[in-house]
């Protein structure tokens, strides 16, 4: 199965939920000049794992795209809640001067 990513660097990560019933993939571009290369700055795609054989067990459930920030990390809090570590400006590679924001969201 090919897990999609709209970025040359591919997936930024794949995170399995605590009960292993779903997972998310995410990717992002590391700067505010993303529009020169991509239509969005970051993306998150959700999948549910159902009782079936092989790839029939993987069902895409949602797509989220944003132009507002880049994703550094995602952590599952529980089976339906994730926290994102994001930033709006540029990332210099060594974290100097990067102001992170933490966002919490509930997945339905």
Protein backbone atom coordinates (compact mmCIF):
# COMPACT_ATOMS: atom_id res chain seq x y z
CA UNK A 1 0.00 0.00 0.00
CA UNK A 2 1.31 3.42 -0.89
CA UNK A 3 0.73 6.03 1.80
CA UNK A 4 0.38 9.39 0.08
CA UNK A 5 2.41 12.51 0.76
CA UNK A 6 2.43 15.67 -1.32
CA UNK A 7 6.00 16.53 -0.32
CA UNK A 8 9.32 15.61 -1.91
CA UNK A 9 10.62 14.48 1.50
CA UNK A 10 7.79 11.95 1.83
CA UNK A 11 6.06 11.17 5.09
CA UNK A 12 7.16 13.07 8.17
CA UNK A 13 5.82 10.30 10.34
CA UNK A 14 3.31 7.53 10.91
CA UNK A 15 1.74 7.30 14.36
CA UNK A 16 -0.26 4.28 15.52
CA UNK A 17 -2.97 5.00 18.11
CA UNK A 18 -2.62 3.57 21.64
CA UNK A 19 -5.16 0.77 21.02
CA UNK A 20 -3.80 0.11 17.50
CA UNK A 21 -7.22 0.70 15.93
CA UNK A 22 -6.16 3.66 13.81
CA UNK A 23 -3.13 5.56 12.61
CA UNK A 24 -2.24 8.90 11.12
CA UNK A 25 0.43 9.97 8.70
CA UNK A 26 1.75 13.50 8.46
CA UNK A 27 4.04 15.56 6.29
CA UNK A 28 4.98 19.20 6.06
CA UNK A 29 7.26 21.72 4.46
CA UNK A 30 9.65 23.52 6.81
CA UNK A 31 9.13 27.16 5.85
CA UNK A 32 6.66 29.91 5.07
CA UNK A 33 7.75 29.90 1.41
CA UNK A 34 5.88 26.60 0.89
CA UNK A 35 3.61 28.21 -1.74
CA UNK A 36 6.55 28.35 -4.16
CA UNK A 37 6.58 24.53 -4.16
CA UNK A 38 3.36 23.12 -2.66
CA UNK A 39 -0.32 23.97 -2.32
CA UNK A 40 -0.28 23.41 1.48
CA UNK A 41 2.27 23.73 4.25
CA UNK A 42 1.26 20.57 6.16
CA UNK A 43 -1.02 17.57 5.87
CA UNK A 44 -2.42 14.90 8.18
CA UNK A 45 -4.20 11.81 6.87
CA UNK A 46 -6.14 9.45 9.14
CA UNK A 47 -6.81 5.75 8.72
CA UNK A 48 -8.93 3.25 10.63
CA UNK A 49 -8.05 -0.42 10.95
CA UNK A 50 -11.09 -2.68 10.58
CA UNK A 51 -11.62 -6.42 10.95
CA UNK A 52 -10.66 -7.60 7.46
CA UNK A 53 -7.78 -9.34 5.72
CA UNK A 54 -4.76 -7.64 4.23
CA UNK A 55 -5.08 -4.14 2.86
CA UNK A 56 -8.89 -4.35 3.10
CA UNK A 57 -8.37 -3.69 6.83
CA UNK A 58 -7.05 -0.16 6.18
CA UNK A 59 -9.68 2.53 5.53
CA UNK A 60 -8.86 6.21 4.97
CA UNK A 61 -11.01 8.31 7.32
CA UNK A 62 -9.93 11.95 6.95
CA UNK A 63 -7.56 14.40 5.26
CA UNK A 64 -6.45 17.65 6.87
CA UNK A 65 -4.42 20.30 5.04
CA UNK A 66 -3.19 23.66 6.33
CA UNK A 67 -1.34 26.67 5.01
CA UNK A 68 -0.75 28.06 8.52
CA UNK A 69 2.06 26.01 10.08
CA UNK A 70 4.55 23.14 9.79
CA UNK A 71 4.45 20.00 11.93
CA UNK A 72 7.43 19.01 14.03
CA UNK A 73 5.84 16.17 15.99
CA UNK A 74 2.51 14.47 16.73
CA UNK A 75 1.75 12.49 19.90
CA UNK A 76 -1.35 10.42 20.69
CA UNK A 77 -2.90 11.33 24.07
CA UNK A 78 -5.58 8.65 23.91
CA UNK A 79 -7.46 6.77 21.19
CA UNK A 80 -9.23 9.90 19.95
CA UNK A 81 -6.91 12.78 20.90
CA UNK A 82 -3.62 13.99 19.43
CA UNK A 83 -1.26 16.84 20.27
CA UNK A 84 0.71 18.57 17.52
CA UNK A 85 3.96 20.49 17.94
CA UNK A 86 3.92 23.13 15.19
CA UNK A 87 5.59 26.38 14.17
CA UNK A 88 4.64 29.24 11.85
CA UNK A 89 7.96 30.85 10.89
CA UNK A 90 11.10 29.34 9.43
CA UNK A 91 12.99 26.45 10.97
CA UNK A 92 16.74 26.98 10.97
CA UNK A 93 17.57 23.33 11.59
CA UNK A 94 19.01 23.85 15.07
CA UNK A 95 15.80 25.08 16.80
CA UNK A 96 17.37 28.48 17.52
CA UNK A 97 14.68 31.14 17.48
CA UNK A 98 11.86 28.72 16.62
CA UNK A 99 8.66 29.44 18.55
CA UNK A 100 6.59 26.29 18.88
CA UNK A 101 2.87 26.08 19.47
CA UNK A 102 1.12 23.00 20.83
CA UNK A 103 -2.30 22.15 19.46
CA UNK A 104 -4.65 19.53 20.89
CA UNK A 105 -7.44 18.06 18.79
CA UNK A 106 -10.04 15.36 19.12
CA UNK A 107 -10.47 12.98 16.18
CA UNK A 108 -13.99 11.72 15.49
